[in-house]
């Protein structure tokens, strides 16, 4: 394994140290913090698509609300016998 020496400001070091878990090296912290976001779906569609996670969650909530409304309407139209 090769190593590289880098210079970072104290503030950057403090931020890394604050995020470092007890069983991690600083290399582990950098790799974890710079890993690709598993919620980023842009690579799946073959184009760079900007979709925020908030937008996805909002769409899910709207979909769930729509499903609840549909169920209520069906109950009113077709009451249990």
PDB file of N, CA and C in Angstrom:
ATOM      1  N   UNK A   1       0.851  -1.175   0.000  1.00  0.00           N
ATOM      2  CA  UNK A   1       0.000   0.000   0.000  1.00  0.00           C
ATOM      3  C   UNK A   1       0.894   1.234   0.000  1.00  0.00           C
ATOM      4  N   UNK A   2       0.623   2.119  -0.924  1.00  0.00           N
ATOM      5  CA  UNK A   2       1.371   3.373  -0.955  1.00  0.00           C
ATOM      6  C   UNK A   2       0.631   4.423  -0.144  1.00  0.00           C
ATOM      7  N   UNK A   3       1.362   5.432   0.262  1.00  0.00           N
ATOM      8  CA  UNK A   3       0.742   6.527   1.006  1.00  0.00           C
ATOM      9  C   UNK A   3       1.087   7.837   0.334  1.00  0.00           C
ATOM     10  N   UNK A   4       0.228   8.808   0.530  1.00  0.00           N
ATOM     11  CA  UNK A   4       0.435  10.167   0.030  1.00  0.00           C
ATOM     12  C   UNK A   4       0.287  11.109   1.212  1.00  0.00           C
ATOM     13  N   UNK A   5       1.111  12.105   1.245  1.00  0.00           N
ATOM     14  CA  UNK A   5       1.000  13.125   2.277  1.00  0.00           C
ATOM     15  C   UNK A   5       0.292  14.327   1.675  1.00  0.00           C
ATOM     16  N   UNK A   6      -0.753  14.788   2.364  1.00  0.00           N
ATOM     17  CA  UNK A   6      -1.483  15.960   1.892  1.00  0.00           C
ATOM     18  C   UNK A   6      -1.504  17.006   2.998  1.00  0.00           C
ATOM     19  N   UNK A   7      -1.686  18.239   2.603  1.00  0.00           N
ATOM     20  CA  UNK A   7      -1.809  19.324   3.573  1.00  0.00           C
ATOM     21  C   UNK A   7      -3.256  19.790   3.587  1.00  0.00           C
ATOM     22  N   UNK A   8      -3.814  19.876   4.780  1.00  0.00           N
ATOM     23  CA  UNK A   8      -5.162  20.408   4.925  1.00  0.00           C
ATOM     24  C   UNK A   8      -5.165  21.397   6.086  1.00  0.00           C
ATOM     25  N   UNK A   9      -6.084  22.344   6.012  1.00  0.00           N
ATOM     26  CA  UNK A   9      -6.186  23.327   7.087  1.00  0.00           C
ATOM     27  C   UNK A   9      -6.720  22.660   8.353  1.00  0.00           C
ATOM     28  N   UNK A  10      -6.487  23.303   9.474  1.00  0.00           N
ATOM     29  CA  UNK A  10      -6.949  22.773  10.757  1.00  0.00           C
ATOM     30  C   UNK A  10      -8.453  22.526  10.758  1.00  0.00           C
ATOM     31  N   UNK A  11      -9.207  23.445  10.146  1.00  0.00           N
ATOM     32  CA  UNK A  11     -10.665  23.296  10.106  1.00  0.00           C
ATOM     33  C   UNK A  11     -11.059  22.006   9.388  1.00  0.00           C
ATOM     34  N   UNK A  12     -10.397  21.702   8.280  1.00  0.00           N
ATOM     35  CA  UNK A  12     -10.693  20.481   7.528  1.00  0.00           C
ATOM     36  C   UNK A  12     -10.337  19.249   8.355  1.00  0.00           C
ATOM     37  N   UNK A  13      -9.205  19.289   9.029  1.00  0.00           N
ATOM     38  CA  UNK A  13      -8.795  18.178   9.888  1.00  0.00           C
ATOM     39  C   UNK A  13      -9.815  17.966  11.000  1.00  0.00           C
ATOM     40  N   UNK A  14     -10.244  19.058  11.627  1.00  0.00           N
ATOM     41  CA  UNK A  14     -11.214  18.964  12.722  1.00  0.00           C
ATOM     42  C   UNK A  14     -12.527  18.352  12.247  1.00  0.00           C
ATOM     43  N   UNK A  15     -12.947  18.736  11.033  1.00  0.00           N
ATOM     44  CA  UNK A  15     -14.190  18.174  10.491  1.00  0.00           C
ATOM     45  C   UNK A  15     -14.049  16.679  10.224  1.00  0.00           C
ATOM     46  N   UNK A  16     -12.914  16.285   9.660  1.00  0.00           N
ATOM     47  CA  UNK A  16     -12.678  14.857   9.430  1.00  0.00           C
ATOM     48  C   UNK A  16     -12.621  14.098  10.748  1.00  0.00           C
ATOM     49  N   UNK A  17     -11.902  14.646  11.704  1.00  0.00           N
ATOM     50  CA  UNK A  17     -11.761  13.993  13.001  1.00  0.00           C
ATOM     51  C   UNK A  17     -13.121  13.841  13.686  1.00  0.00           C
ATOM     52  N   UNK A  18     -13.990  14.832  13.531  1.00  0.00           N
ATOM     53  CA  UNK A  18     -15.316  14.769  14.143  1.00  0.00           C
ATOM     54  C   UNK A  18     -16.169  13.665  13.523  1.00  0.00           C
ATOM     55  N   UNK A  19     -15.915  13.344  12.267  1.00  0.00           N
ATOM     56  CA  UNK A  19     -16.702  12.318  11.580  1.00  0.00           C
ATOM     57  C   UNK A  19     -16.049  10.937  11.634  1.00  0.00           C
ATOM     58  N   UNK A  20     -14.855  10.891  12.168  1.00  0.00           N
ATOM     59  CA  UNK A  20     -14.119   9.631  12.243  1.00  0.00           C
ATOM     60  C   UNK A  20     -14.706   8.748  13.335  1.00  0.00           C
ATOM     61  N   UNK A  21     -15.017   7.535  12.955  1.00  0.00           N
ATOM     62  CA  UNK A  21     -15.519   6.554  13.918  1.00  0.00           C
ATOM     63  C   UNK A  21     -14.338   5.911  14.631  1.00  0.00           C
ATOM     64  N   UNK A  22     -14.616   5.338  15.767  1.00  0.00           N
ATOM     65  CA  UNK A  22     -13.541   4.784  16.600  1.00  0.00           C
ATOM     66  C   UNK A  22     -12.710   3.727  15.869  1.00  0.00           C
ATOM     67  N   UNK A  23     -13.362   2.931  15.037  1.00  0.00           N
ATOM     68  CA  UNK A  23     -12.663   1.836  14.357  1.00  0.00           C
ATOM     69  C   UNK A  23     -12.146   2.214  12.968  1.00  0.00           C
ATOM     70  N   UNK A  24     -12.190   3.500  12.613  1.00  0.00           N
ATOM     71  CA  UNK A  24     -11.789   3.941  11.281  1.00  0.00           C
ATOM     72  C   UNK A  24     -10.442   4.649  11.284  1.00  0.00           C
ATOM     73  N   UNK A  25      -9.770   4.526  10.157  1.00  0.00           N
ATOM     74  CA  UNK A  25      -8.595   5.359   9.901  1.00  0.00           C
ATOM     75  C   UNK A  25      -9.084   6.607   9.177  1.00  0.00           C
ATOM     76  N   UNK A  26      -8.222   7.603   9.039  1.00  0.00           N
ATOM     77  CA  UNK A  26      -8.617   8.792   8.288  1.00  0.00           C
ATOM     78  C   UNK A  26      -8.873   8.438   6.817  1.00  0.00           C
ATOM     79  N   UNK A  27      -8.145   7.469   6.286  1.00  0.00           N
ATOM     80  CA  UNK A  27      -8.407   7.001   4.922  1.00  0.00           C
ATOM     81  C   UNK A  27      -9.827   6.461   4.817  1.00  0.00           C
ATOM     82  N   UNK A  28     -10.227   5.653   5.808  1.00  0.00           N
ATOM     83  CA  UNK A  28     -11.588   5.114   5.818  1.00  0.00           C
ATOM     84  C   UNK A  28     -12.628   6.238   5.834  1.00  0.00           C
ATOM     85  N   UNK A  29     -12.368   7.286   6.619  1.00  0.00           N
ATOM     86  CA  UNK A  29     -13.304   8.412   6.710  1.00  0.00           C
ATOM     87  C   UNK A  29     -13.439   9.096   5.354  1.00  0.00           C
ATOM     88  N   UNK A  30     -12.313   9.379   4.719  1.00  0.00           N
ATOM     89  CA  UNK A  30     -12.344  10.049   3.414  1.00  0.00           C
ATOM     90  C   UNK A  30     -13.087   9.187   2.399  1.00  0.00           C
ATOM     91  N   UNK A  31     -12.811   7.897   2.370  1.00  0.00           N
ATOM     92  CA  UNK A  31     -13.484   7.005   1.424  1.00  0.00           C
ATOM     93  C   UNK A  31     -14.981   6.929   1.701  1.00  0.00           C
ATOM     94  N   UNK A  32     -15.363   6.856   2.964  1.00  0.00           N
ATOM     95  CA  UNK A  32     -16.785   6.783   3.312  1.00  0.00           C
ATOM     96  C   UNK A  32     -17.511   8.067   2.931  1.00  0.00           C
ATOM     97  N   UNK A  33     -16.899   9.200   3.235  1.00  0.00           N
ATOM     98  CA  UNK A  33     -17.551  10.479   2.976  1.00  0.00           C
ATOM     99  C   UNK A  33     -17.587  10.846   1.495  1.00  0.00           C
ATOM    100  N   UNK A  34     -16.714  10.259   0.711  1.00  0.00           N
ATOM    101  CA  UNK A  34     -16.687  10.579  -0.716  1.00  0.00           C
ATOM    102  C   UNK A  34     -17.281   9.465  -1.574  1.00  0.00           C
ATOM    103  N   UNK A  35     -17.852   8.455  -0.935  1.00  0.00           N
ATOM    104  CA  UNK A  35     -18.491   7.364  -1.678  1.00  0.00           C
ATOM    105  C   UNK A  35     -19.707   7.905  -2.416  1.00  0.00           C
ATOM    106  N   UNK A  36     -20.046   7.244  -3.496  1.00  0.00           N
ATOM    107  CA  UNK A  36     -21.219   7.652  -4.263  1.00  0.00           C
ATOM    108  C   UNK A  36     -22.465   7.479  -3.410  1.00  0.00           C
ATOM    109  N   UNK A  37     -23.400   8.376  -3.588  1.00  0.00           N
ATOM    110  CA  UNK A  37     -24.659   8.347  -2.855  1.00  0.00           C
ATOM    111  C   UNK A  37     -25.546   7.253  -3.446  1.00  0.00           C
ATOM    112  N   UNK A  38     -25.932   6.237  -2.646  1.00  0.00           N
ATOM    113  CA  UNK A  38     -26.761   5.156  -3.186  1.00  0.00           C
ATOM    114  C   UNK A  38     -28.149   5.625  -3.608  1.00  0.00           C
ATOM    115  N   UNK A  39     -28.536   6.838  -3.210  1.00  0.00           N
ATOM    116  CA  UNK A  39     -29.844   7.372  -3.604  1.00  0.00           C
ATOM    117  C   UNK A  39     -29.772   8.119  -4.925  1.00  0.00           C
ATOM    118  N   UNK A  40     -28.583   8.185  -5.524  1.00  0.00           N
ATOM    119  CA  UNK A  40     -28.407   8.882  -6.799  1.00  0.00           C
ATOM    120  C   UNK A  40     -28.750   7.922  -7.932  1.00  0.00           C
ATOM    121  N   UNK A  41     -29.878   8.149  -8.580  1.00  0.00           N
ATOM    122  CA  UNK A  41     -30.355   7.258  -9.634  1.00  0.00           C
ATOM    123  C   UNK A  41     -29.947   7.713 -11.030  1.00  0.00           C
ATOM    124  N   UNK A  42     -29.201   8.793 -11.143  1.00  0.00           N
ATOM    125  CA  UNK A  42     -28.915   9.367 -12.459  1.00  0.00           C
ATOM    126  C   UNK A  42     -28.158   8.403 -13.371  1.00  0.00           C
ATOM    127  N   UNK A  43     -27.324   7.549 -12.826  1.00  0.00           N
ATOM    128  CA  UNK A  43     -26.582   6.611 -13.649  1.00  0.00           C
ATOM    129  C   UNK A  43     -27.445   5.507 -14.237  1.00  0.00           C
ATOM    130  N   UNK A  44     -28.619   5.295 -13.679  1.00  0.00           N
ATOM    131  CA  UNK A  44     -29.482   4.225 -14.146  1.00  0.00           C
ATOM    132  C   UNK A  44     -30.222   4.568 -15.426  1.00  0.00           C
ATOM    133  N   UNK A  45     -30.418   5.829 -15.698  1.00  0.00           N
ATOM    134  CA  UNK A  45     -31.194   6.223 -16.871  1.00  0.00           C
ATOM    135  C   UNK A  45     -30.321   6.562 -18.064  1.00  0.00           C
ATOM    136  N   UNK A  46     -29.033   6.518 -17.905  1.00  0.00           N
ATOM    137  CA  UNK A  46     -28.134   6.751 -19.021  1.00  0.00           C
ATOM    138  C   UNK A  46     -27.866   8.210 -19.332  1.00  0.00           C
ATOM    139  N   UNK A  47     -28.354   9.101 -18.507  1.00  0.00           N
ATOM    140  CA  UNK A  47     -28.120  10.533 -18.721  1.00  0.00           C
ATOM    141  C   UNK A  47     -27.980  11.199 -17.363  1.00  0.00           C
ATOM    142  N   UNK A  48     -27.333  12.323 -17.365  1.00  0.00           N
ATOM    143  CA  UNK A  48     -27.208  13.067 -16.118  1.00  0.00           C
ATOM    144  C   UNK A  48     -28.529  13.753 -15.816  1.00  0.00           C
ATOM    145  N   UNK A  49     -29.241  13.201 -14.867  1.00  0.00           N
ATOM    146  CA  UNK A  49     -30.537  13.738 -14.477  1.00  0.00           C
ATOM    147  C   UNK A  49     -30.421  14.230 -13.041  1.00  0.00           C
ATOM    148  N   UNK A  50     -30.803  15.464 -12.828  1.00  0.00           N
ATOM    149  CA  UNK A  50     -30.745  16.040 -11.492  1.00  0.00           C
ATOM    150  C   UNK A  50     -32.086  15.820 -10.799  1.00  0.00           C
ATOM    151  N   UNK A  51     -32.116  14.928  -9.821  1.00  0.00           N
ATOM    152  CA  UNK A  51     -33.314  14.695  -9.027  1.00  0.00           C
ATOM    153  C   UNK A  51     -32.892  14.708  -7.572  1.00  0.00           C
ATOM    154  N   UNK A  52     -33.534  15.540  -6.798  1.00  0.00           N
ATOM    155  CA  UNK A  52     -33.176  15.594  -5.385  1.00  0.00           C
ATOM    156  C   UNK A  52     -33.913  14.493  -4.630  1.00  0.00           C
ATOM    157  N   UNK A  53     -33.316  14.051  -3.543  1.00  0.00           N
ATOM    158  CA  UNK A  53     -33.938  13.029  -2.714  1.00  0.00           C
ATOM    159  C   UNK A  53     -35.247  13.558  -2.135  1.00  0.00           C
ATOM    160  N   UNK A  54     -35.305  14.859  -1.829  1.00  0.00           N
ATOM    161  CA  UNK A  54     -36.546  15.450  -1.323  1.00  0.00           C
ATOM    162  C   UNK A  54     -37.660  15.322  -2.358  1.00  0.00           C
ATOM    163  N   UNK A  55     -37.336  15.517  -3.616  1.00  0.00           N
ATOM    164  CA  UNK A  55     -38.338  15.399  -4.678  1.00  0.00           C
ATOM    165  C   UNK A  55     -38.859  13.968  -4.769  1.00  0.00           C
ATOM    166  N   UNK A  56     -37.978  12.994  -4.619  1.00  0.00           N
ATOM    167  CA  UNK A  56     -38.391  11.589  -4.656  1.00  0.00           C
ATOM    168  C   UNK A  56     -39.309  11.289  -3.477  1.00  0.00           C
ATOM    169  N   UNK A  57     -38.921  11.739  -2.277  1.00  0.00           N
ATOM    170  CA  UNK A  57     -39.746  11.504  -1.093  1.00  0.00           C
ATOM    171  C   UNK A  57     -41.109  12.180  -1.232  1.00  0.00           C
ATOM    172  N   UNK A  58     -41.118  13.380  -1.764  1.00  0.00           N
ATOM    173  CA  UNK A  58     -42.368  14.111  -1.957  1.00  0.00           C
ATOM    174  C   UNK A  58     -43.289  13.359  -2.920  1.00  0.00           C
ATOM    175  N   UNK A  59     -42.722  12.839  -3.987  1.00  0.00           N
ATOM    176  CA  UNK A  59     -43.513  12.077  -4.959  1.00  0.00           C
ATOM    177  C   UNK A  59     -44.074  10.810  -4.320  1.00  0.00           C
ATOM    178  N   UNK A  60     -43.287  10.154  -3.483  1.00  0.00           N
ATOM    179  CA  UNK A  60     -43.766   8.954  -2.787  1.00  0.00           C
ATOM    180  C   UNK A  60     -44.927   9.296  -1.856  1.00  0.00           C
ATOM    181  N   UNK A  61     -44.794  10.403  -1.130  1.00  0.00           N
ATOM    182  CA  UNK A  61     -45.859  10.820  -0.218  1.00  0.00           C
ATOM    183  C   UNK A  61     -47.141  11.130  -0.990  1.00  0.00           C
ATOM    184  N   UNK A  62     -47.015  11.830  -2.122  1.00  0.00           N
ATOM    185  CA  UNK A  62     -48.192  12.135  -2.941  1.00  0.00           C
ATOM    186  C   UNK A  62     -48.832  10.851  -3.458  1.00  0.00           C
ATOM    187  N   UNK A  63     -48.012   9.903  -3.857  1.00  0.00           N
ATOM    188  CA  UNK A  63     -48.517   8.632  -4.366  1.00  0.00           C
ATOM    189  C   UNK A  63     -49.274   7.883  -3.269  1.00  0.00           C
ATOM    190  N   UNK A  64     -48.719   7.862  -2.063  1.00  0.00           N
ATOM    191  CA  UNK A  64     -49.385   7.189  -0.945  1.00  0.00           C
ATOM    192  C   UNK A  64     -50.710   7.872  -0.624  1.00  0.00           C
ATOM    193  N   UNK A  65     -50.736   9.198  -0.665  1.00  0.00           N
ATOM    194  CA  UNK A  65     -51.975   9.942  -0.407  1.00  0.00           C
ATOM    195  C   UNK A  65     -53.004   9.635  -1.487  1.00  0.00           C
ATOM    196  N   UNK A  66     -52.567   9.554  -2.739  1.00  0.00           N
ATOM    197  CA  UNK A  66     -53.475   9.209  -3.838  1.00  0.00           C
ATOM    198  C   UNK A  66     -54.069   7.812  -3.637  1.00  0.00           C
ATOM    199  N   UNK A  67     -53.247   6.871  -3.200  1.00  0.00           N
ATOM    200  CA  UNK A  67     -53.727   5.507  -2.969  1.00  0.00           C
ATOM    201  C   UNK A  67     -54.763   5.480  -1.853  1.00  0.00           C
ATOM    202  N   UNK A  68     -54.539   6.263  -0.782  1.00  0.00           N
ATOM    203  CA  UNK A  68     -55.513   6.320   0.312  1.00  0.00           C
ATOM    204  C   UNK A  68     -56.837   6.910  -0.175  1.00  0.00           C
ATOM    205  N   UNK A  69     -56.761   7.971  -0.982  1.00  0.00           N
ATOM    206  CA  UNK A  69     -57.977   8.581  -1.534  1.00  0.00           C
ATOM    207  C   UNK A  69     -58.736   7.588  -2.414  1.00  0.00           C
ATOM    208  N   UNK A  70     -58.009   6.870  -3.246  1.00  0.00           N
ATOM    209  CA  UNK A  70     -58.639   5.871  -4.116  1.00  0.00           C
ATOM    210  C   UNK A  70     -59.355   4.810  -3.285  1.00  0.00           C
ATOM    211  N   UNK A  71     -58.711   4.343  -2.223  1.00  0.00           N
ATOM    212  CA  UNK A  71     -59.319   3.323  -1.369  1.00  0.00           C
ATOM    213  C   UNK A  71     -60.591   3.856  -0.715  1.00  0.00           C
ATOM    214  N   UNK A  72     -60.561   5.094  -0.240  1.00  0.00           N
ATOM    215  CA  UNK A  72     -61.755   5.693   0.370  1.00  0.00           C
ATOM    216  C   UNK A  72     -62.881   5.828  -0.643  1.00  0.00           C
ATOM    217  N   UNK A  73     -62.559   6.259  -1.850  1.00  0.00           N
ATOM    218  CA  UNK A  73     -63.576   6.388  -2.893  1.00  0.00           C
ATOM    219  C   UNK A  73     -64.185   5.031  -3.249  1.00  0.00           C
ATOM    220  N   UNK A  74     -63.362   4.017  -3.342  1.00  0.00           N
ATOM    221  CA  UNK A  74     -63.862   2.681  -3.658  1.00  0.00           C
ATOM    222  C   UNK A  74     -64.795   2.179  -2.571  1.00  0.00           C
ATOM    223  N   UNK A  75     -64.467   2.467  -1.295  1.00  0.00           N
ATOM    224  CA  UNK A  75     -65.332   2.058  -0.188  1.00  0.00           C
ATOM    225  C   UNK A  75     -66.689   2.738  -0.292  1.00  0.00           C
ATOM    226  N   UNK A  76     -66.711   3.992  -0.689  1.00  0.00           N
ATOM    227  CA  UNK A  76     -67.971   4.733  -0.792  1.00  0.00           C
ATOM    228  C   UNK A  76     -68.794   4.274  -1.990  1.00  0.00           C
ATOM    229  N   UNK A  77     -68.119   3.952  -3.071  1.00  0.00           N
ATOM    230  CA  UNK A  77     -68.825   3.521  -4.277  1.00  0.00           C
ATOM    231  C   UNK A  77     -69.298   2.078  -4.139  1.00  0.00           C
ATOM    232  N   UNK A  78     -68.468   1.239  -3.532  1.00  0.00           N
ATOM    233  CA  UNK A  78     -68.794  -0.176  -3.371  1.00  0.00           C
ATOM    234  C   UNK A  78     -68.719  -0.538  -1.888  1.00  0.00           C
ATOM    235  N   UNK A  79     -69.721  -0.180  -1.089  1.00  0.00           N
ATOM    236  CA  UNK A  79     -69.667  -0.495   0.342  1.00  0.00           C
ATOM    237  C   UNK A  79     -69.674  -2.004   0.566  1.00  0.00           C
ATOM    238  N   UNK A  80     -69.091  -2.403   1.691  1.00  0.00           N
ATOM    239  CA  UNK A  80     -69.070  -3.834   2.040  1.00  0.00           C
ATOM    240  C   UNK A  80     -70.498  -4.342   2.166  1.00  0.00           C
ATOM    241  N   UNK A  81     -70.711  -5.554   1.737  1.00  0.00           N
ATOM    242  CA  UNK A  81     -72.065  -6.119   1.752  1.00  0.00           C
ATOM    243  C   UNK A  81     -72.378  -6.767   3.053  1.00  0.00           C
TER     244      UNK A  81
END
